[in-house]
């Protein structure tokens, strides 16, 4: 994709039957912007990042954010910020696909 350009992130979504799909939209040493795409029942297990902050913004679907023993409901428009070291994850608890914009800074090494 050429940048800068206006676009609808959810139009770039890709889904896989066996696991959550990741779509990289943009990467530089300073930031990674991508999509996490979930079929119903799929999950991104609880994890954390050293030296990196993460922002999730729900584009489509419903589910829960996983946070150190808590589950917070998510729906389109919901945002979660997971600062460095805070365990986080996502589970699609809905009956439709779930598409979440993920922004990581700085970008992880390839």
PDB file of N, CA and C in Angstrom:
ATOM      1  N   UNK A   1       0.846  -1.177   0.000  1.00  0.00           N
ATOM      2  CA  UNK A   1       0.000   0.000   0.000  1.00  0.00           C
ATOM      3  C   UNK A   1       0.889   1.236   0.000  1.00  0.00           C
ATOM      4  N   UNK A   2       0.522   2.201  -0.814  1.00  0.00           N
ATOM      5  CA  UNK A   2       1.242   3.466  -0.850  1.00  0.00           C
ATOM      6  C   UNK A   2       0.736   4.373   0.262  1.00  0.00           C
ATOM      7  N   UNK A   3       1.639   5.099   0.886  1.00  0.00           N
ATOM      8  CA  UNK A   3       1.276   6.030   1.943  1.00  0.00           C
ATOM      9  C   UNK A   3       1.897   7.376   1.618  1.00  0.00           C
ATOM     10  N   UNK A   4       1.330   8.516   1.950  1.00  0.00           N
ATOM     11  CA  UNK A   4       0.059   8.616   2.660  1.00  0.00           C
ATOM     12  C   UNK A   4      -1.124   8.468   1.698  1.00  0.00           C
ATOM     13  N   UNK A   5      -2.145   7.836   2.187  1.00  0.00           N
ATOM     14  CA  UNK A   5      -3.390   7.642   1.440  1.00  0.00           C
ATOM     15  C   UNK A   5      -4.497   7.375   2.445  1.00  0.00           C
ATOM     16  N   UNK A   6      -5.681   7.843   2.136  1.00  0.00           N
ATOM     17  CA  UNK A   6      -6.831   7.557   3.001  1.00  0.00           C
ATOM     18  C   UNK A   6      -7.395   6.193   2.606  1.00  0.00           C
ATOM     19  N   UNK A   7      -7.779   5.396   3.598  1.00  0.00           N
ATOM     20  CA  UNK A   7      -8.302   4.061   3.326  1.00  0.00           C
ATOM     21  C   UNK A   7      -9.126   3.582   4.507  1.00  0.00           C
ATOM     22  N   UNK A   8      -9.890   2.547   4.291  1.00  0.00           N
ATOM     23  CA  UNK A   8     -10.662   1.887   5.343  1.00  0.00           C
ATOM     24  C   UNK A   8      -9.878   0.663   5.790  1.00  0.00           C
ATOM     25  N   UNK A   9      -9.308   0.654   7.001  1.00  0.00           N
ATOM     26  CA  UNK A   9      -8.495  -0.477   7.435  1.00  0.00           C
ATOM     27  C   UNK A   9      -9.207  -1.826   7.339  1.00  0.00           C
ATOM     28  N   UNK A  10     -10.493  -1.869   7.666  1.00  0.00           N
ATOM     29  CA  UNK A  10     -11.200  -3.149   7.674  1.00  0.00           C
ATOM     30  C   UNK A  10     -11.279  -3.778   6.284  1.00  0.00           C
ATOM     31  N   UNK A  11     -11.121  -2.976   5.226  1.00  0.00           N
ATOM     32  CA  UNK A  11     -11.112  -3.536   3.872  1.00  0.00           C
ATOM     33  C   UNK A  11      -9.862  -4.374   3.603  1.00  0.00           C
ATOM     34  N   UNK A  12      -8.847  -4.247   4.447  1.00  0.00           N
ATOM     35  CA  UNK A  12      -7.606  -5.021   4.302  1.00  0.00           C
ATOM     36  C   UNK A  12      -7.618  -6.294   5.146  1.00  0.00           C
ATOM     37  N   UNK A  13      -8.694  -6.513   5.882  1.00  0.00           N
ATOM     38  CA  UNK A  13      -8.767  -7.672   6.792  1.00  0.00           C
ATOM     39  C   UNK A  13      -8.642  -8.988   6.028  1.00  0.00           C
ATOM     40  N   UNK A  14      -7.996  -9.953   6.693  1.00  0.00           N
ATOM     41  CA  UNK A  14      -7.818 -11.305   6.169  1.00  0.00           C
ATOM     42  C   UNK A  14      -8.060 -12.253   7.335  1.00  0.00           C
ATOM     43  N   UNK A  15      -8.765 -13.329   7.096  1.00  0.00           N
ATOM     44  CA  UNK A  15      -9.117 -14.269   8.163  1.00  0.00           C
ATOM     45  C   UNK A  15      -8.586 -15.653   7.837  1.00  0.00           C
ATOM     46  N   UNK A  16      -8.204 -16.396   8.879  1.00  0.00           N
ATOM     47  CA  UNK A  16      -7.722 -17.770   8.741  1.00  0.00           C
ATOM     48  C   UNK A  16      -8.553 -18.667   9.639  1.00  0.00           C
ATOM     49  N   UNK A  17      -8.782 -19.881   9.182  1.00  0.00           N
ATOM     50  CA  UNK A  17      -9.607 -20.823   9.939  1.00  0.00           C
ATOM     51  C   UNK A  17      -8.913 -21.277  11.216  1.00  0.00           C
ATOM     52  N   UNK A  18      -7.633 -21.571  11.180  1.00  0.00           N
ATOM     53  CA  UNK A  18      -6.951 -22.181  12.311  1.00  0.00           C
ATOM     54  C   UNK A  18      -6.472 -21.251  13.400  1.00  0.00           C
ATOM     55  N   UNK A  19      -6.285 -19.959  13.068  1.00  0.00           N
ATOM     56  CA  UNK A  19      -5.735 -19.033  14.070  1.00  0.00           C
ATOM     57  C   UNK A  19      -6.031 -17.593  13.676  1.00  0.00           C
ATOM     58  N   UNK A  20      -5.833 -16.689  14.619  1.00  0.00           N
ATOM     59  CA  UNK A  20      -5.973 -15.267  14.354  1.00  0.00           C
ATOM     60  C   UNK A  20      -5.027 -14.885  13.213  1.00  0.00           C
ATOM     61  N   UNK A  21      -5.504 -14.046  12.298  1.00  0.00           N
ATOM     62  CA  UNK A  21      -4.662 -13.569  11.200  1.00  0.00           C
ATOM     63  C   UNK A  21      -4.153 -12.171  11.527  1.00  0.00           C
ATOM     64  N   UNK A  22      -2.907 -11.909  11.150  1.00  0.00           N
ATOM     65  CA  UNK A  22      -2.313 -10.585  11.311  1.00  0.00           C
ATOM     66  C   UNK A  22      -2.047  -9.999   9.937  1.00  0.00           C
ATOM     67  N   UNK A  23      -2.418  -8.730   9.768  1.00  0.00           N
ATOM     68  CA  UNK A  23      -2.201  -8.021   8.514  1.00  0.00           C
ATOM     69  C   UNK A  23      -1.375  -6.778   8.833  1.00  0.00           C
ATOM     70  N   UNK A  24      -0.198  -6.682   8.250  1.00  0.00           N
ATOM     71  CA  UNK A  24       0.630  -5.493   8.458  1.00  0.00           C
ATOM     72  C   UNK A  24       0.215  -4.421   7.458  1.00  0.00           C
ATOM     73  N   UNK A  25      -0.159  -3.248   7.963  1.00  0.00           N
ATOM     74  CA  UNK A  25      -0.565  -2.134   7.107  1.00  0.00           C
ATOM     75  C   UNK A  25       0.599  -1.185   6.862  1.00  0.00           C
ATOM     76  N   UNK A  26       1.346  -0.882   7.923  1.00  0.00           N
ATOM     77  CA  UNK A  26       2.469   0.050   7.806  1.00  0.00           C
ATOM     78  C   UNK A  26       3.496  -0.272   8.874  1.00  0.00           C
ATOM     79  N   UNK A  27       4.768  -0.160   8.496  1.00  0.00           N
ATOM     80  CA  UNK A  27       5.858  -0.393   9.449  1.00  0.00           C
ATOM     81  C   UNK A  27       6.987   0.590   9.175  1.00  0.00           C
ATOM     82  N   UNK A  28       7.513   1.139  10.275  1.00  0.00           N
ATOM     83  CA  UNK A  28       8.750   1.901  10.256  1.00  0.00           C
ATOM     84  C   UNK A  28       9.462   1.514  11.556  1.00  0.00           C
ATOM     85  N   UNK A  29      10.677   1.983  11.783  1.00  0.00           N
ATOM     86  CA  UNK A  29      11.329   1.668  13.066  1.00  0.00           C
ATOM     87  C   UNK A  29      10.577   2.250  14.270  1.00  0.00           C
ATOM     88  N   UNK A  30       9.743   3.259  14.035  1.00  0.00           N
ATOM     89  CA  UNK A  30       9.050   3.948  15.123  1.00  0.00           C
ATOM     90  C   UNK A  30       7.673   3.381  15.441  1.00  0.00           C
ATOM     91  N   UNK A  31       7.009   2.732  14.460  1.00  0.00           N
ATOM     92  CA  UNK A  31       5.622   2.309  14.669  1.00  0.00           C
ATOM     93  C   UNK A  31       5.263   1.141  13.744  1.00  0.00           C
ATOM     94  N   UNK A  32       4.376   0.296  14.239  1.00  0.00           N
ATOM     95  CA  UNK A  32       3.774  -0.765  13.428  1.00  0.00           C
ATOM     96  C   UNK A  32       2.268  -0.597  13.526  1.00  0.00           C
ATOM     97  N   UNK A  33       1.594  -0.570  12.380  1.00  0.00           N
ATOM     98  CA  UNK A  33       0.149  -0.489  12.326  1.00  0.00           C
ATOM     99  C   UNK A  33      -0.342  -1.733  11.590  1.00  0.00           C
ATOM    100  N   UNK A  34      -1.246  -2.454  12.215  1.00  0.00           N
ATOM    101  CA  UNK A  34      -1.740  -3.668  11.586  1.00  0.00           C
ATOM    102  C   UNK A  34      -3.132  -4.019  12.061  1.00  0.00           C
ATOM    103  N   UNK A  35      -3.624  -5.139  11.564  1.00  0.00           N
ATOM    104  CA  UNK A  35      -4.920  -5.659  11.959  1.00  0.00           C
ATOM    105  C   UNK A  35      -4.746  -7.019  12.594  1.00  0.00           C
ATOM    106  N   UNK A  36      -5.526  -7.289  13.631  1.00  0.00           N
ATOM    107  CA  UNK A  36      -5.675  -8.622  14.192  1.00  0.00           C
ATOM    108  C   UNK A  36      -7.093  -9.056  13.842  1.00  0.00           C
ATOM    109  N   UNK A  37      -7.221 -10.156  13.108  1.00  0.00           N
ATOM    110  CA  UNK A  37      -8.502 -10.591  12.554  1.00  0.00           C
ATOM    111  C   UNK A  37      -8.867 -11.960  13.123  1.00  0.00           C
ATOM    112  N   UNK A  38     -10.035 -12.047  13.759  1.00  0.00           N
ATOM    113  CA  UNK A  38     -10.452 -13.230  14.490  1.00  0.00           C
ATOM    114  C   UNK A  38     -11.753 -13.803  13.937  1.00  0.00           C
ATOM    115  N   UNK A  39     -11.775 -15.091  13.695  1.00  0.00           N
ATOM    116  CA  UNK A  39     -13.025 -15.802  13.451  1.00  0.00           C
ATOM    117  C   UNK A  39     -13.681 -16.024  14.822  1.00  0.00           C
ATOM    118  N   UNK A  40     -14.973 -16.325  14.878  1.00  0.00           N
ATOM    119  CA  UNK A  40     -15.617 -16.598  16.168  1.00  0.00           C
ATOM    120  C   UNK A  40     -14.857 -17.682  16.942  1.00  0.00           C
ATOM    121  N   UNK A  41     -14.638 -17.421  18.232  1.00  0.00           N
ATOM    122  CA  UNK A  41     -13.962 -18.377  19.105  1.00  0.00           C
ATOM    123  C   UNK A  41     -12.452 -18.259  19.133  1.00  0.00           C
ATOM    124  N   UNK A  42     -11.846 -17.541  18.206  1.00  0.00           N
ATOM    125  CA  UNK A  42     -10.386 -17.415  18.193  1.00  0.00           C
ATOM    126  C   UNK A  42      -9.918 -16.429  19.264  1.00  0.00           C
ATOM    127  N   UNK A  43      -8.653 -16.590  19.658  1.00  0.00           N
ATOM    128  CA  UNK A  43      -8.103 -15.805  20.769  1.00  0.00           C
ATOM    129  C   UNK A  43      -6.649 -15.459  20.510  1.00  0.00           C
ATOM    130  N   UNK A  44      -6.223 -14.311  20.990  1.00  0.00           N
ATOM    131  CA  UNK A  44      -4.806 -13.945  21.073  1.00  0.00           C
ATOM    132  C   UNK A  44      -4.480 -13.999  22.558  1.00  0.00           C
ATOM    133  N   UNK A  45      -3.742 -15.001  22.958  1.00  0.00           N
ATOM    134  CA  UNK A  45      -3.505 -15.288  24.373  1.00  0.00           C
ATOM    135  C   UNK A  45      -2.839 -14.115  25.097  1.00  0.00           C
ATOM    136  N   UNK A  46      -3.015 -14.101  26.397  1.00  0.00           N
ATOM    137  CA  UNK A  46      -2.432 -13.083  27.263  1.00  0.00           C
ATOM    138  C   UNK A  46      -0.919 -13.033  27.042  1.00  0.00           C
ATOM    139  N   UNK A  47      -0.396 -11.826  26.803  1.00  0.00           N
ATOM    140  CA  UNK A  47       1.027 -11.614  26.567  1.00  0.00           C
ATOM    141  C   UNK A  47       1.362 -10.161  26.905  1.00  0.00           C
ATOM    142  N   UNK A  48       2.637  -9.840  26.953  1.00  0.00           N
ATOM    143  CA  UNK A  48       3.050  -8.451  27.185  1.00  0.00           C
ATOM    144  C   UNK A  48       4.271  -8.158  26.325  1.00  0.00           C
ATOM    145  N   UNK A  49       4.620  -6.884  26.247  1.00  0.00           N
ATOM    146  CA  UNK A  49       5.742  -6.448  25.429  1.00  0.00           C
ATOM    147  C   UNK A  49       6.704  -5.628  26.279  1.00  0.00           C
ATOM    148  N   UNK A  50       7.970  -5.974  26.218  1.00  0.00           N
ATOM    149  CA  UNK A  50       9.000  -5.176  26.893  1.00  0.00           C
ATOM    150  C   UNK A  50       9.388  -4.021  25.977  1.00  0.00           C
ATOM    151  N   UNK A  51       9.405  -2.816  26.501  1.00  0.00           N
ATOM    152  CA  UNK A  51       9.865  -1.657  25.755  1.00  0.00           C
ATOM    153  C   UNK A  51       8.945  -1.220  24.626  1.00  0.00           C
ATOM    154  N   UNK A  52       7.676  -1.637  24.677  1.00  0.00           N
ATOM    155  CA  UNK A  52       6.754  -1.323  23.591  1.00  0.00           C
ATOM    156  C   UNK A  52       5.357  -1.090  24.149  1.00  0.00           C
ATOM    157  N   UNK A  53       4.688  -0.059  23.682  1.00  0.00           N
ATOM    158  CA  UNK A  53       3.293   0.212  24.028  1.00  0.00           C
ATOM    159  C   UNK A  53       2.412  -0.265  22.881  1.00  0.00           C
ATOM    160  N   UNK A  54       1.156  -0.633  23.217  1.00  0.00           N
ATOM    161  CA  UNK A  54       0.232  -1.132  22.201  1.00  0.00           C
ATOM    162  C   UNK A  54      -1.127  -0.478  22.376  1.00  0.00           C
ATOM    163  N   UNK A  55      -1.737  -0.135  21.244  1.00  0.00           N
ATOM    164  CA  UNK A  55      -3.087   0.414  21.226  1.00  0.00           C
ATOM    165  C   UNK A  55      -3.942  -0.512  20.377  1.00  0.00           C
ATOM    166  N   UNK A  56      -5.095  -0.910  20.912  1.00  0.00           N
ATOM    167  CA  UNK A  56      -6.084  -1.686  20.158  1.00  0.00           C
ATOM    168  C   UNK A  56      -7.310  -0.804  19.937  1.00  0.00           C
ATOM    169  N   UNK A  57      -7.869  -0.848  18.732  1.00  0.00           N
ATOM    170  CA  UNK A  57      -9.112  -0.132  18.440  1.00  0.00           C
ATOM    171  C   UNK A  57     -10.004  -1.082  17.639  1.00  0.00           C
ATOM    172  N   UNK A  58     -11.183  -1.389  18.174  1.00  0.00           N
ATOM    173  CA  UNK A  58     -12.078  -2.358  17.543  1.00  0.00           C
ATOM    174  C   UNK A  58     -12.770  -1.707  16.347  1.00  0.00           C
ATOM    175  N   UNK A  59     -12.624  -2.348  15.184  1.00  0.00           N
ATOM    176  CA  UNK A  59     -13.263  -1.854  13.967  1.00  0.00           C
ATOM    177  C   UNK A  59     -14.588  -2.553  13.707  1.00  0.00           C
ATOM    178  N   UNK A  60     -14.613  -3.872  13.872  1.00  0.00           N
ATOM    179  CA  UNK A  60     -15.813  -4.668  13.596  1.00  0.00           C
ATOM    180  C   UNK A  60     -15.870  -5.843  14.554  1.00  0.00           C
ATOM    181  N   UNK A  61     -17.077  -6.232  14.959  1.00  0.00           N
ATOM    182  CA  UNK A  61     -17.275  -7.419  15.776  1.00  0.00           C
ATOM    183  C   UNK A  61     -17.292  -7.121  17.259  1.00  0.00           C
ATOM    184  N   UNK A  62     -17.410  -8.189  18.037  1.00  0.00           N
ATOM    185  CA  UNK A  62     -17.469  -8.093  19.499  1.00  0.00           C
ATOM    186  C   UNK A  62     -16.616  -9.177  20.128  1.00  0.00           C
ATOM    187  N   UNK A  63     -16.205  -8.928  21.354  1.00  0.00           N
ATOM    188  CA  UNK A  63     -15.400  -9.890  22.089  1.00  0.00           C
ATOM    189  C   UNK A  63     -15.020  -9.320  23.432  1.00  0.00           C
ATOM    190  N   UNK A  64     -13.879  -9.778  23.961  1.00  0.00           N
ATOM    191  CA  UNK A  64     -13.384  -9.265  25.232  1.00  0.00           C
ATOM    192  C   UNK A  64     -11.885  -9.010  25.137  1.00  0.00           C
ATOM    193  N   UNK A  65     -11.456  -7.941  25.809  1.00  0.00           N
ATOM    194  CA  UNK A  65     -10.041  -7.716  26.050  1.00  0.00           C
ATOM    195  C   UNK A  65      -9.677  -8.533  27.274  1.00  0.00           C
ATOM    196  N   UNK A  66      -8.573  -9.235  27.243  1.00  0.00           N
ATOM    197  CA  UNK A  66      -8.061  -9.979  28.391  1.00  0.00           C
ATOM    198  C   UNK A  66      -6.988  -9.120  29.047  1.00  0.00           C
ATOM    199  N   UNK A  67      -7.126  -8.906  30.356  1.00  0.00           N
ATOM    200  CA  UNK A  67      -6.174  -8.083  31.106  1.00  0.00           C
ATOM    201  C   UNK A  67      -5.947  -8.696  32.476  1.00  0.00           C
ATOM    202  N   UNK A  68      -4.816  -9.331  32.694  1.00  0.00           N
ATOM    203  CA  UNK A  68      -4.444  -9.829  34.018  1.00  0.00           C
ATOM    204  C   UNK A  68      -5.627 -10.283  34.868  1.00  0.00           C
ATOM    205  N   UNK A  69      -6.355 -11.314  34.430  1.00  0.00           N
ATOM    206  CA  UNK A  69      -7.453 -11.855  35.216  1.00  0.00           C
ATOM    207  C   UNK A  69      -8.783 -11.156  35.022  1.00  0.00           C
ATOM    208  N   UNK A  70      -8.824 -10.137  34.174  1.00  0.00           N
ATOM    209  CA  UNK A  70     -10.075  -9.441  33.891  1.00  0.00           C
ATOM    210  C   UNK A  70     -10.440  -9.628  32.424  1.00  0.00           C
ATOM    211  N   UNK A  71     -11.739  -9.554  32.167  1.00  0.00           N
ATOM    212  CA  UNK A  71     -12.231  -9.549  30.800  1.00  0.00           C
ATOM    213  C   UNK A  71     -13.115  -8.313  30.637  1.00  0.00           C
ATOM    214  N   UNK A  72     -12.748  -7.451  29.689  1.00  0.00           N
ATOM    215  CA  UNK A  72     -13.479  -6.214  29.446  1.00  0.00           C
ATOM    216  C   UNK A  72     -14.180  -6.316  28.100  1.00  0.00           C
ATOM    217  N   UNK A  73     -15.482  -6.025  28.028  1.00  0.00           N
ATOM    218  CA  UNK A  73     -16.197  -6.138  26.761  1.00  0.00           C
ATOM    219  C   UNK A  73     -15.672  -5.164  25.710  1.00  0.00           C
ATOM    220  N   UNK A  74     -15.682  -5.626  24.468  1.00  0.00           N
ATOM    221  CA  UNK A  74     -15.248  -4.801  23.354  1.00  0.00           C
ATOM    222  C   UNK A  74     -16.311  -4.838  22.264  1.00  0.00           C
ATOM    223  N   UNK A  75     -16.502  -3.707  21.608  1.00  0.00           N
ATOM    224  CA  UNK A  75     -17.438  -3.554  20.502  1.00  0.00           C
ATOM    225  C   UNK A  75     -16.844  -2.501  19.567  1.00  0.00           C
ATOM    226  N   UNK A  76     -17.373  -2.328  18.370  1.00  0.00           N
ATOM    227  CA  UNK A  76     -16.821  -1.320  17.464  1.00  0.00           C
ATOM    228  C   UNK A  76     -16.707   0.052  18.130  1.00  0.00           C
ATOM    229  N   UNK A  77     -15.535   0.658  17.956  1.00  0.00           N
ATOM    230  CA  UNK A  77     -15.262   1.960  18.547  1.00  0.00           C
ATOM    231  C   UNK A  77     -14.530   1.888  19.873  1.00  0.00           C
ATOM    232  N   UNK A  78     -14.489   0.714  20.506  1.00  0.00           N
ATOM    233  CA  UNK A  78     -13.812   0.562  21.793  1.00  0.00           C
ATOM    234  C   UNK A  78     -12.297   0.565  21.583  1.00  0.00           C
ATOM    235  N   UNK A  79     -11.579   1.227  22.496  1.00  0.00           N
ATOM    236  CA  UNK A  79     -10.118   1.284  22.437  1.00  0.00           C
ATOM    237  C   UNK A  79      -9.532   0.819  23.762  1.00  0.00           C
ATOM    238  N   UNK A  80      -8.382   0.156  23.674  1.00  0.00           N
ATOM    239  CA  UNK A  80      -7.629  -0.239  24.855  1.00  0.00           C
ATOM    240  C   UNK A  80      -6.176   0.131  24.626  1.00  0.00           C
ATOM    241  N   UNK A  81      -5.548   0.710  25.637  1.00  0.00           N
ATOM    242  CA  UNK A  81      -4.119   1.007  25.582  1.00  0.00           C
ATOM    243  C   UNK A  81      -3.426   0.100  26.582  1.00  0.00           C
ATOM    244  N   UNK A  82      -2.457  -0.680  26.084  1.00  0.00           N
ATOM    245  CA  UNK A  82      -1.681  -1.586  26.930  1.00  0.00           C
ATOM    246  C   UNK A  82      -0.245  -1.065  26.977  1.00  0.00           C
ATOM    247  N   UNK A  83       0.106  -0.323  28.027  1.00  0.00           N
ATOM    248  CA  UNK A  83       1.478   0.172  28.143  1.00  0.00           C
ATOM    249  C   UNK A  83       2.465  -0.990  28.290  1.00  0.00           C
ATOM    250  N   UNK A  84       3.711  -0.684  28.093  1.00  0.00           N
ATOM    251  CA  UNK A  84       4.783  -1.660  28.232  1.00  0.00           C
ATOM    252  C   UNK A  84       4.595  -2.517  29.493  1.00  0.00           C
ATOM    253  N   UNK A  85       4.718  -3.832  29.321  1.00  0.00           N
ATOM    254  CA  UNK A  85       4.692  -4.758  30.451  1.00  0.00           C
ATOM    255  C   UNK A  85       3.320  -5.153  30.954  1.00  0.00           C
ATOM    256  N   UNK A  86       2.239  -4.545  30.476  1.00  0.00           N
ATOM    257  CA  UNK A  86       0.893  -4.895  30.943  1.00  0.00           C
ATOM    258  C   UNK A  86       0.375  -6.084  30.128  1.00  0.00           C
ATOM    259  N   UNK A  87       0.103  -7.233  30.770  1.00  0.00           N
ATOM    260  CA  UNK A  87      -0.411  -8.391  30.040  1.00  0.00           C
ATOM    261  C   UNK A  87      -1.788  -8.094  29.436  1.00  0.00           C
ATOM    262  N   UNK A  88      -1.945  -8.456  28.160  1.00  0.00           N
ATOM    263  CA  UNK A  88      -3.179  -8.178  27.430  1.00  0.00           C
ATOM    264  C   UNK A  88      -3.404  -9.259  26.379  1.00  0.00           C
ATOM    265  N   UNK A  89      -4.620  -9.373  25.927  1.00  0.00           N
ATOM    266  CA  UNK A  89      -4.978 -10.307  24.867  1.00  0.00           C
ATOM    267  C   UNK A  89      -6.391 -10.016  24.407  1.00  0.00           C
ATOM    268  N   UNK A  90      -6.882 -10.824  23.461  1.00  0.00           N
ATOM    269  CA  UNK A  90      -8.210 -10.627  22.893  1.00  0.00           C
ATOM    270  C   UNK A  90      -8.855 -11.986  22.660  1.00  0.00           C
ATOM    271  N   UNK A  91     -10.174 -12.058  22.887  1.00  0.00           N
ATOM    272  CA  UNK A  91     -10.948 -13.259  22.564  1.00  0.00           C
ATOM    273  C   UNK A  91     -12.215 -12.831  21.824  1.00  0.00           C
ATOM    274  N   UNK A  92     -12.484 -13.483  20.699  1.00  0.00           N
ATOM    275  CA  UNK A  92     -13.732 -13.232  19.973  1.00  0.00           C
ATOM    276  C   UNK A  92     -14.803 -14.112  20.593  1.00  0.00           C
ATOM    277  N   UNK A  93     -15.687 -13.510  21.355  1.00  0.00           N
ATOM    278  CA  UNK A  93     -16.780 -14.240  22.005  1.00  0.00           C
ATOM    279  C   UNK A  93     -18.078 -14.108  21.217  1.00  0.00           C
ATOM    280  N   UNK A  94     -18.043 -13.375  20.110  1.00  0.00           N
ATOM    281  CA  UNK A  94     -19.242 -13.155  19.310  1.00  0.00           C
ATOM    282  C   UNK A  94     -19.462 -14.273  18.298  1.00  0.00           C
ATOM    283  N   UNK A  95     -20.488 -14.102  17.488  1.00  0.00           N
ATOM    284  CA  UNK A  95     -20.816 -15.075  16.440  1.00  0.00           C
ATOM    285  C   UNK A  95     -20.360 -14.603  15.065  1.00  0.00           C
ATOM    286  N   UNK A  96     -19.788 -13.397  14.990  1.00  0.00           N
ATOM    287  CA  UNK A  96     -19.294 -12.837  13.731  1.00  0.00           C
ATOM    288  C   UNK A  96     -17.785 -12.618  13.833  1.00  0.00           C
ATOM    289  N   UNK A  97     -17.195 -12.269  12.741  1.00  0.00           N
ATOM    290  CA  UNK A  97     -15.762 -11.962  12.727  1.00  0.00           C
ATOM    291  C   UNK A  97     -15.469 -10.707  13.547  1.00  0.00           C
ATOM    292  N   UNK A  98     -14.244 -10.641  14.069  1.00  0.00           N
ATOM    293  CA  UNK A  98     -13.769  -9.516  14.880  1.00  0.00           C
ATOM    294  C   UNK A  98     -12.510  -8.964  14.219  1.00  0.00           C
ATOM    295  N   UNK A  99     -12.487  -7.658  13.959  1.00  0.00           N
ATOM    296  CA  UNK A  99     -11.337  -7.005  13.343  1.00  0.00           C
ATOM    297  C   UNK A  99     -10.883  -5.871  14.253  1.00  0.00           C
ATOM    298  N   UNK A 100      -9.623  -5.929  14.675  1.00  0.00           N
ATOM    299  CA  UNK A 100      -9.072  -4.967  15.623  1.00  0.00           C
ATOM    300  C   UNK A 100      -7.820  -4.330  15.028  1.00  0.00           C
ATOM    301  N   UNK A 101      -7.789  -2.994  15.002  1.00  0.00           N
ATOM    302  CA  UNK A 101      -6.600  -2.263  14.593  1.00  0.00           C
ATOM    303  C   UNK A 101      -5.602  -2.325  15.747  1.00  0.00           C
ATOM    304  N   UNK A 102      -4.358  -2.665  15.460  1.00  0.00           N
ATOM    305  CA  UNK A 102      -3.309  -2.746  16.481  1.00  0.00           C
ATOM    306  C   UNK A 102      -2.170  -1.810  16.089  1.00  0.00           C
ATOM    307  N   UNK A 103      -1.757  -0.970  17.037  1.00  0.00           N
ATOM    308  CA  UNK A 103      -0.655  -0.035  16.819  1.00  0.00           C
ATOM    309  C   UNK A 103       0.383  -0.287  17.896  1.00  0.00           C
ATOM    310  N   UNK A 104       1.628  -0.570  17.480  1.00  0.00           N
ATOM    311  CA  UNK A 104       2.708  -0.848  18.419  1.00  0.00           C
ATOM    312  C   UNK A 104       3.819   0.157  18.217  1.00  0.00           C
ATOM    313  N   UNK A 105       4.326   0.717  19.335  1.00  0.00           N
ATOM    314  CA  UNK A 105       5.414   1.679  19.249  1.00  0.00           C
ATOM    315  C   UNK A 105       6.401   1.448  20.380  1.00  0.00           C
ATOM    316  N   UNK A 106       7.690   1.371  20.066  1.00  0.00           N
ATOM    317  CA  UNK A 106       8.218   1.306  18.715  1.00  0.00           C
ATOM    318  C   UNK A 106       7.874  -0.036  18.058  1.00  0.00           C
ATOM    319  N   UNK A 107       8.077  -0.125  16.762  1.00  0.00           N
ATOM    320  CA  UNK A 107       7.768  -1.363  16.042  1.00  0.00           C
ATOM    321  C   UNK A 107       8.651  -2.499  16.531  1.00  0.00           C
ATOM    322  N   UNK A 108       8.089  -3.716  16.644  1.00  0.00           N
ATOM    323  CA  UNK A 108       8.917  -4.864  17.014  1.00  0.00           C
ATOM    324  C   UNK A 108       9.898  -5.207  15.890  1.00  0.00           C
ATOM    325  N   UNK A 109      10.986  -5.842  16.240  1.00  0.00           N
ATOM    326  CA  UNK A 109      11.941  -6.296  15.231  1.00  0.00           C
ATOM    327  C   UNK A 109      11.272  -7.365  14.373  1.00  0.00           C
ATOM    328  N   UNK A 110      11.625  -7.411  13.132  1.00  0.00           N
ATOM    329  CA  UNK A 110      11.041  -8.418  12.226  1.00  0.00           C
ATOM    330  C   UNK A 110      11.575  -9.785  12.530  1.00  0.00           C
TER     331      UNK A 110
END
